[in-house]
Amino acid sequence: MEWSLEQLQEIKEQLIEQIETSFPEDKKQSAIEQIEEMNNEQLIEFLKQNNLIKEKEEAMQNSCVFCSIVFGDIPSIKINENEEAVAILEINPISEGHTIIIPKNHVEKEEDLSEKIKELAKQTKHLIQNSLNPKEIPLIPINVMGHYIINILPVYEKENMHSKRTKKTPEQLQEVKQKIERTSLKLKEDEKIKEDFVKERKKEFTDKEIKIPKRIP
């Protein structure tokens, strides 16, 4: 398969993230510098030599960074989840609230993204819209290392998938998560108030005595 520049950049960033979370402190910097200095051809060759992709350039599920996130082998900041996917904050976001939806099963084709996965993307988009108030939030499916994910990209100015990324600390990502969670809690509380109000009105209507006017002779 042919790798796009966008896919290769995403792969490089995920490799650096994996190094930062799993390498010994004294080896992190040199390993990160090695990855950053690679051109596209060197990166592909590195992936092959380390069995991160097969000779046919298909991603190996057991070595997939995204599968490792789903299984908890790589730390992440989760903001939403259902039985088929998780929503985590991008560690190198383009904008505040940049989130990726990761299928729990290794999905290699866009057409295999189930309705449950798309539903989680829409729910998460709604939460981000209400909590961070961007101008718009496109949902962008992309194949990275053979695993299809969905980018949820809040647009405040003119951001797109080619815009500059910014490295965020876990503490900064937790702050964003808390903003989203506060909005999520408020939406649930508002929905509960609405449901209780409807139930009470129904009860009042049911309990209300209906008076039948006397027949006029």
C-alpha atoms as a PDB file:
ATOM      1  CA  MET A   1       0.000   0.000   0.000  1.00  0.00           C
ATOM      2  CA  GLU A   2       1.008   3.634  -0.516  1.00  0.00           C
ATOM      3  CA  TRP A   3       1.533   5.732   2.592  1.00  0.00           C
ATOM      4  CA  SER A   4       0.404   9.375   2.470  1.00  0.00           C
ATOM      5  CA  LEU A   5       2.494  12.130   4.059  1.00  0.00           C
ATOM      6  CA  GLU A   6      -0.296  12.597   6.603  1.00  0.00           C
ATOM      7  CA  GLN A   7      -0.269   8.917   7.554  1.00  0.00           C
ATOM      8  CA  LEU A   8       3.522   8.841   7.909  1.00  0.00           C
ATOM      9  CA  GLN A   9       3.481  11.934  10.106  1.00  0.00           C
ATOM     10  CA  GLU A  10       0.777  10.359  12.288  1.00  0.00           C
ATOM     11  CA  ILE A  11       2.825   7.166  12.572  1.00  0.00           C
ATOM     12  CA  LYS A  12       5.928   9.127  13.569  1.00  0.00           C
ATOM     13  CA  GLU A  13       4.002  11.000  16.276  1.00  0.00           C
ATOM     14  CA  GLN A  14       2.521   7.781  17.656  1.00  0.00           C
ATOM     15  CA  LEU A  15       5.976   6.160  17.778  1.00  0.00           C
ATOM     16  CA  ILE A  16       7.331   9.146  19.709  1.00  0.00           C
ATOM     17  CA  GLU A  17       4.366   8.921  22.080  1.00  0.00           C
ATOM     18  CA  GLN A  18       5.080   5.240  22.658  1.00  0.00           C
ATOM     19  CA  ILE A  19       8.758   5.999  23.361  1.00  0.00           C
ATOM     20  CA  GLU A  20       7.798   8.696  25.868  1.00  0.00           C
ATOM     21  CA  THR A  21       5.523   6.354  27.790  1.00  0.00           C
ATOM     22  CA  SER A  22       7.570   3.148  27.723  1.00  0.00           C
ATOM     23  CA  PHE A  23      11.305   3.874  27.297  1.00  0.00           C
ATOM     24  CA  PRO A  24      13.781   4.344  30.194  1.00  0.00           C
ATOM     25  CA  GLU A  25      14.474   8.009  30.930  1.00  0.00           C
ATOM     26  CA  ASP A  26      18.133   7.811  29.870  1.00  0.00           C
ATOM     27  CA  LYS A  27      17.207   6.464  26.420  1.00  0.00           C
ATOM     28  CA  LYS A  28      14.123   8.515  25.580  1.00  0.00           C
ATOM     29  CA  GLN A  29      15.759  11.601  24.094  1.00  0.00           C
ATOM     30  CA  SER A  30      18.124   9.811  21.719  1.00  0.00           C
ATOM     31  CA  ALA A  31      15.335   7.480  20.527  1.00  0.00           C
ATOM     32  CA  ILE A  32      12.985  10.408  19.903  1.00  0.00           C
ATOM     33  CA  GLU A  33      15.669  12.320  18.002  1.00  0.00           C
ATOM     34  CA  GLN A  34      16.316   9.253  15.848  1.00  0.00           C
ATOM     35  CA  ILE A  35      12.639   9.010  14.896  1.00  0.00           C
ATOM     36  CA  GLU A  36      12.306  12.769  14.262  1.00  0.00           C
ATOM     37  CA  GLU A  37      15.317  12.820  11.919  1.00  0.00           C
ATOM     38  CA  MET A  38      14.023   9.999   9.696  1.00  0.00           C
ATOM     39  CA  ASN A  39      12.716  10.847   6.240  1.00  0.00           C
ATOM     40  CA  ASN A  40       9.728   8.938   4.877  1.00  0.00           C
ATOM     41  CA  GLU A  41      11.754   6.161   3.249  1.00  0.00           C
ATOM     42  CA  GLN A  42      13.832   5.641   6.399  1.00  0.00           C
ATOM     43  CA  LEU A  43      10.676   5.550   8.524  1.00  0.00           C
ATOM     44  CA  ILE A  44       9.059   2.859   6.353  1.00  0.00           C
ATOM     45  CA  GLU A  45      12.261   0.801   6.420  1.00  0.00           C
ATOM     46  CA  PHE A  46      12.428   1.191  10.210  1.00  0.00           C
ATOM     47  CA  LEU A  47       8.840  -0.079  10.531  1.00  0.00           C
ATOM     48  CA  LYS A  48       9.653  -3.111   8.384  1.00  0.00           C
ATOM     49  CA  GLN A  49      12.859  -3.946  10.267  1.00  0.00           C
ATOM     50  CA  ASN A  50      11.068  -3.771  13.603  1.00  0.00           C
ATOM     51  CA  ASN A  51       8.145  -5.911  12.413  1.00  0.00           C
ATOM     52  CA  LEU A  52       5.700  -3.021  12.792  1.00  0.00           C
ATOM     53  CA  ILE A  53       4.422  -3.656   9.288  1.00  0.00           C
ATOM     54  CA  LYS A  54       4.562  -6.786   7.161  1.00  0.00           C
ATOM     55  CA  GLU A  55       6.521  -6.991   3.925  1.00  0.00           C
ATOM     56  CA  LYS A  56       3.238  -6.383   2.113  1.00  0.00           C
ATOM     57  CA  GLU A  57       2.983  -3.201   4.183  1.00  0.00           C
ATOM     58  CA  GLU A  58      -0.104  -4.375   6.058  1.00  0.00           C
ATOM     59  CA  ALA A  59      -0.220  -3.398   9.705  1.00  0.00           C
ATOM     60  CA  MET A  60       0.278  -6.137  12.260  1.00  0.00           C
ATOM     61  CA  GLN A  61      -2.539  -6.065  14.751  1.00  0.00           C
ATOM     62  CA  ASN A  62      -0.366  -7.226  17.631  1.00  0.00           C
ATOM     63  CA  SER A  63       2.041  -4.310  17.095  1.00  0.00           C
ATOM     64  CA  CYS A  64      -0.603  -1.640  16.422  1.00  0.00           C
ATOM     65  CA  VAL A  65      -0.230   1.448  18.594  1.00  0.00           C
ATOM     66  CA  PHE A  66      -3.994   1.969  18.639  1.00  0.00           C
ATOM     67  CA  CYS A  67      -4.680  -1.615  19.726  1.00  0.00           C
ATOM     68  CA  SER A  68      -2.134  -1.054  22.510  1.00  0.00           C
ATOM     69  CA  ILE A  69      -4.094   2.022  23.628  1.00  0.00           C
ATOM     70  CA  VAL A  70      -7.360   0.044  23.636  1.00  0.00           C
ATOM     71  CA  PHE A  71      -5.758  -2.759  25.682  1.00  0.00           C
ATOM     72  CA  GLY A  72      -4.328  -0.217  28.153  1.00  0.00           C
ATOM     73  CA  ASP A  73      -0.691  -0.937  27.297  1.00  0.00           C
ATOM     74  CA  ILE A  74      -0.204   2.737  26.392  1.00  0.00           C
ATOM     75  CA  PRO A  75      -1.647   5.393  28.774  1.00  0.00           C
ATOM     76  CA  SER A  76      -4.346   7.655  27.354  1.00  0.00           C
ATOM     77  CA  ILE A  77      -6.925  10.253  28.432  1.00  0.00           C
ATOM     78  CA  LYS A  78     -10.318   8.693  27.763  1.00  0.00           C
ATOM     79  CA  ILE A  79     -13.361  10.974  27.504  1.00  0.00           C
ATOM     80  CA  ASN A  80     -16.004   8.589  26.173  1.00  0.00           C
ATOM     81  CA  GLU A  81     -16.573   4.907  25.399  1.00  0.00           C
ATOM     82  CA  ASN A  82     -19.074   2.320  24.272  1.00  0.00           C
ATOM     83  CA  GLU A  83     -18.863  -1.408  23.638  1.00  0.00           C
ATOM     84  CA  GLU A  84     -17.154  -1.019  20.256  1.00  0.00           C
ATOM     85  CA  ALA A  85     -14.863   2.018  20.549  1.00  0.00           C
ATOM     86  CA  VAL A  86     -13.104   4.474  22.858  1.00  0.00           C
ATOM     87  CA  ALA A  87     -12.666   8.241  22.513  1.00  0.00           C
ATOM     88  CA  ILE A  88      -9.321   9.589  23.713  1.00  0.00           C
ATOM     89  CA  LEU A  89      -7.762  13.030  23.625  1.00  0.00           C
ATOM     90  CA  GLU A  90      -4.980  13.336  21.046  1.00  0.00           C
ATOM     91  CA  ILE A  91      -1.648  13.782  22.878  1.00  0.00           C
ATOM     92  CA  ASN A  92      -0.370  16.001  20.031  1.00  0.00           C
ATOM     93  CA  PRO A  93      -3.545  17.925  19.241  1.00  0.00           C
ATOM     94  CA  ILE A  94      -4.109  20.349  16.413  1.00  0.00           C
ATOM     95  CA  SER A  95      -6.681  22.215  18.510  1.00  0.00           C
ATOM     96  CA  GLU A  96      -8.191  22.051  21.984  1.00  0.00           C
ATOM     97  CA  GLY A  97     -10.384  18.980  22.297  1.00  0.00           C
ATOM     98  CA  HIS A  98      -8.844  17.147  19.314  1.00  0.00           C
ATOM     99  CA  THR A  99     -10.013  13.593  19.907  1.00  0.00           C
ATOM    100  CA  ILE A 100      -9.604  10.253  18.180  1.00  0.00           C
ATOM    101  CA  ILE A 101     -12.165   7.469  18.118  1.00  0.00           C
ATOM    102  CA  ILE A 102     -10.413   4.091  18.212  1.00  0.00           C
ATOM    103  CA  PRO A 103     -12.363   0.920  17.350  1.00  0.00           C
ATOM    104  CA  LYS A 104     -11.758  -1.805  19.932  1.00  0.00           C
ATOM    105  CA  ASN A 105     -11.350  -4.333  17.142  1.00  0.00           C
ATOM    106  CA  HIS A 106      -8.645  -3.871  14.515  1.00  0.00           C
ATOM    107  CA  VAL A 107     -10.569  -2.191  11.666  1.00  0.00           C
ATOM    108  CA  GLU A 108      -8.583  -1.949   8.419  1.00  0.00           C
ATOM    109  CA  LYS A 109     -11.287  -0.627   6.069  1.00  0.00           C
ATOM    110  CA  GLU A 110     -13.400   2.501   6.413  1.00  0.00           C
ATOM    111  CA  GLU A 111     -16.517   0.606   5.352  1.00  0.00           C
ATOM    112  CA  ASP A 112     -16.028  -1.682   8.370  1.00  0.00           C
ATOM    113  CA  LEU A 113     -16.541   1.196  10.818  1.00  0.00           C
ATOM    114  CA  SER A 114     -19.766   0.071  12.497  1.00  0.00           C
ATOM    115  CA  GLU A 115     -22.768   2.208  13.389  1.00  0.00           C
ATOM    116  CA  LYS A 116     -21.808   1.914  17.070  1.00  0.00           C
ATOM    117  CA  ILE A 117     -18.379   3.392  16.331  1.00  0.00           C
ATOM    118  CA  LYS A 118     -19.919   6.232  14.316  1.00  0.00           C
ATOM    119  CA  GLU A 119     -22.488   6.774  17.062  1.00  0.00           C
ATOM    120  CA  LEU A 120     -19.723   7.262  19.638  1.00  0.00           C
ATOM    121  CA  ALA A 121     -18.050   9.773  17.318  1.00  0.00           C
ATOM    122  CA  LYS A 122     -21.283  11.771  17.024  1.00  0.00           C
ATOM    123  CA  GLN A 123     -21.921  11.682  20.794  1.00  0.00           C
ATOM    124  CA  THR A 124     -18.379  12.827  21.522  1.00  0.00           C
ATOM    125  CA  LYS A 125     -18.619  15.558  18.898  1.00  0.00           C
ATOM    126  CA  HIS A 126     -21.781  16.808  20.643  1.00  0.00           C
ATOM    127  CA  LEU A 127     -20.000  16.903  24.022  1.00  0.00           C
ATOM    128  CA  ILE A 128     -17.034  18.820  22.610  1.00  0.00           C
ATOM    129  CA  GLN A 129     -19.310  21.252  20.790  1.00  0.00           C
ATOM    130  CA  ASN A 130     -21.218  22.079  23.966  1.00  0.00           C
ATOM    131  CA  SER A 131     -18.177  22.287  26.244  1.00  0.00           C
ATOM    132  CA  LEU A 132     -15.562  24.023  24.046  1.00  0.00           C
ATOM    133  CA  ASN A 133     -17.797  25.861  21.554  1.00  0.00           C
ATOM    134  CA  PRO A 134     -15.736  25.594  18.335  1.00  0.00           C
ATOM    135  CA  LYS A 135     -17.038  26.950  15.013  1.00  0.00           C
ATOM    136  CA  GLU A 136     -17.398  23.454  13.612  1.00  0.00           C
ATOM    137  CA  ILE A 137     -16.209  19.893  14.238  1.00  0.00           C
ATOM    138  CA  PRO A 138     -15.559  17.689  11.199  1.00  0.00           C
ATOM    139  CA  LEU A 139     -15.282  13.925  11.659  1.00  0.00           C
ATOM    140  CA  ILE A 140     -12.271  12.679   9.693  1.00  0.00           C
ATOM    141  CA  PRO A 141     -11.679   8.913   9.243  1.00  0.00           C
ATOM    142  CA  ILE A 142      -8.066   7.980   8.539  1.00  0.00           C
ATOM    143  CA  ASN A 143      -6.033   4.787   8.255  1.00  0.00           C
ATOM    144  CA  VAL A 144      -2.884   4.831  10.389  1.00  0.00           C
ATOM    145  CA  MET A 145      -0.628   1.765  10.445  1.00  0.00           C
ATOM    146  CA  GLY A 146      -3.501  -0.349   9.152  1.00  0.00           C
ATOM    147  CA  HIS A 147      -5.971   0.688  11.871  1.00  0.00           C
ATOM    148  CA  TYR A 148      -8.873   2.980  10.954  1.00  0.00           C
ATOM    149  CA  ILE A 149      -9.604   5.733  13.453  1.00  0.00           C
ATOM    150  CA  ILE A 150     -11.855   8.800  13.369  1.00  0.00           C
ATOM    151  CA  ASN A 151     -10.415  12.219  14.134  1.00  0.00           C
ATOM    152  CA  ILE A 152     -12.783  14.645  15.840  1.00  0.00           C
ATOM    153  CA  LEU A 153     -11.202  18.012  15.056  1.00  0.00           C
ATOM    154  CA  PRO A 154     -12.647  21.166  16.677  1.00  0.00           C
ATOM    155  CA  VAL A 155     -12.146  24.142  14.353  1.00  0.00           C
ATOM    156  CA  TYR A 156     -11.808  27.532  16.053  1.00  0.00           C
ATOM    157  CA  GLU A 157     -10.078  29.439  13.244  1.00  0.00           C
ATOM    158  CA  LYS A 158      -9.057  27.541  10.079  1.00  0.00           C
ATOM    159  CA  GLU A 159      -7.528  24.374  11.549  1.00  0.00           C
ATOM    160  CA  ASN A 160      -7.328  21.232   9.446  1.00  0.00           C
ATOM    161  CA  MET A 161      -5.438  17.927   9.581  1.00  0.00           C
ATOM    162  CA  HIS A 162      -2.356  19.577   8.077  1.00  0.00           C
ATOM    163  CA  SER A 163      -2.187  22.310  10.726  1.00  0.00           C
ATOM    164  CA  LYS A 164       0.602  22.435  13.277  1.00  0.00           C
ATOM    165  CA  ARG A 165       0.330  20.070  16.233  1.00  0.00           C
ATOM    166  CA  THR A 166       1.245  20.949  19.809  1.00  0.00           C
ATOM    167  CA  LYS A 167       2.584  18.514  22.384  1.00  0.00           C
ATOM    168  CA  LYS A 168       0.423  18.511  25.528  1.00  0.00           C
ATOM    169  CA  THR A 169       1.253  17.201  28.984  1.00  0.00           C
ATOM    170  CA  PRO A 170      -1.068  14.716  30.725  1.00  0.00           C
ATOM    171  CA  GLU A 171      -2.005  17.521  33.134  1.00  0.00           C
ATOM    172  CA  GLN A 172      -3.074  19.818  30.283  1.00  0.00           C
ATOM    173  CA  LEU A 173      -5.128  17.037  28.719  1.00  0.00           C
ATOM    174  CA  GLN A 174      -6.771  16.326  32.068  1.00  0.00           C
ATOM    175  CA  GLU A 175      -7.899  19.970  32.207  1.00  0.00           C
ATOM    176  CA  VAL A 176      -9.561  19.594  28.810  1.00  0.00           C
ATOM    177  CA  LYS A 177     -11.173  16.336  29.956  1.00  0.00           C
ATOM    178  CA  GLN A 178     -12.566  18.066  33.044  1.00  0.00           C
ATOM    179  CA  LYS A 179     -14.142  20.804  30.899  1.00  0.00           C
ATOM    180  CA  ILE A 180     -15.839  18.166  28.772  1.00  0.00           C
ATOM    181  CA  GLU A 181     -16.924  16.111  31.795  1.00  0.00           C
ATOM    182  CA  ARG A 182     -18.487  19.151  33.487  1.00  0.00           C
ATOM    183  CA  THR A 183     -20.566  19.786  30.383  1.00  0.00           C
ATOM    184  CA  SER A 184     -21.470  16.099  30.110  1.00  0.00           C
ATOM    185  CA  LEU A 185     -22.660  16.096  33.731  1.00  0.00           C
ATOM    186  CA  LYS A 186     -24.726  19.249  33.198  1.00  0.00           C
ATOM    187  CA  LEU A 187     -26.350  17.813  30.064  1.00  0.00           C
ATOM    188  CA  LYS A 188     -27.294  14.670  32.004  1.00  0.00           C
ATOM    189  CA  GLU A 189     -28.690  16.749  34.872  1.00  0.00           C
ATOM    190  CA  ASP A 190     -30.724  18.906  32.458  1.00  0.00           C
ATOM    191  CA  GLU A 191     -32.062  15.771  30.769  1.00  0.00           C
ATOM    192  CA  LYS A 192     -33.016  14.300  34.166  1.00  0.00           C
ATOM    193  CA  ILE A 193     -34.836  17.506  35.140  1.00  0.00           C
ATOM    194  CA  LYS A 194     -36.700  17.434  31.832  1.00  0.00           C
ATOM    195  CA  GLU A 195     -37.676  13.768  32.290  1.00  0.00           C
ATOM    196  CA  ASP A 196     -38.843  14.380  35.865  1.00  0.00           C
ATOM    197  CA  PHE A 197     -40.909  17.373  34.736  1.00  0.00           C
ATOM    198  CA  VAL A 198     -42.622  15.352  32.007  1.00  0.00           C
ATOM    199  CA  LYS A 199     -43.344  12.507  34.455  1.00  0.00           C
ATOM    200  CA  GLU A 200     -44.814  14.916  36.993  1.00  0.00           C
ATOM    201  CA  ARG A 201     -47.061  16.564  34.436  1.00  0.00           C
ATOM    202  CA  LYS A 202     -48.302  13.158  33.275  1.00  0.00           C
ATOM    203  CA  LYS A 203     -49.016  12.201  36.887  1.00  0.00           C
ATOM    204  CA  GLU A 204     -50.907  15.454  37.488  1.00  0.00           C
ATOM    205  CA  PHE A 205     -52.975  14.864  34.393  1.00  0.00           C
ATOM    206  CA  THR A 206     -53.723  11.251  35.410  1.00  0.00           C
ATOM    207  CA  ASP A 207     -54.627  12.158  38.996  1.00  0.00           C
ATOM    208  CA  LYS A 208     -56.697  15.173  38.071  1.00  0.00           C
ATOM    209  CA  GLU A 209     -60.411  14.667  38.580  1.00  0.00           C
ATOM    210  CA  ILE A 210     -62.266  15.009  35.351  1.00  0.00           C
ATOM    211  CA  LYS A 211     -65.618  16.632  36.009  1.00  0.00           C
ATOM    212  CA  ILE A 212     -68.472  15.727  33.652  1.00  0.00           C
ATOM    213  CA  PRO A 213     -70.971  18.535  33.355  1.00  0.00           C
ATOM    214  CA  LYS A 214     -74.528  17.785  34.468  1.00  0.00           C
ATOM    215  CA  ARG A 215     -76.957  17.073  31.731  1.00  0.00           C
ATOM    216  CA  ILE A 216     -79.242  19.989  31.052  1.00  0.00           C
ATOM    217  CA  PRO A 217     -82.863  18.832  30.692  1.00  0.00           C
END
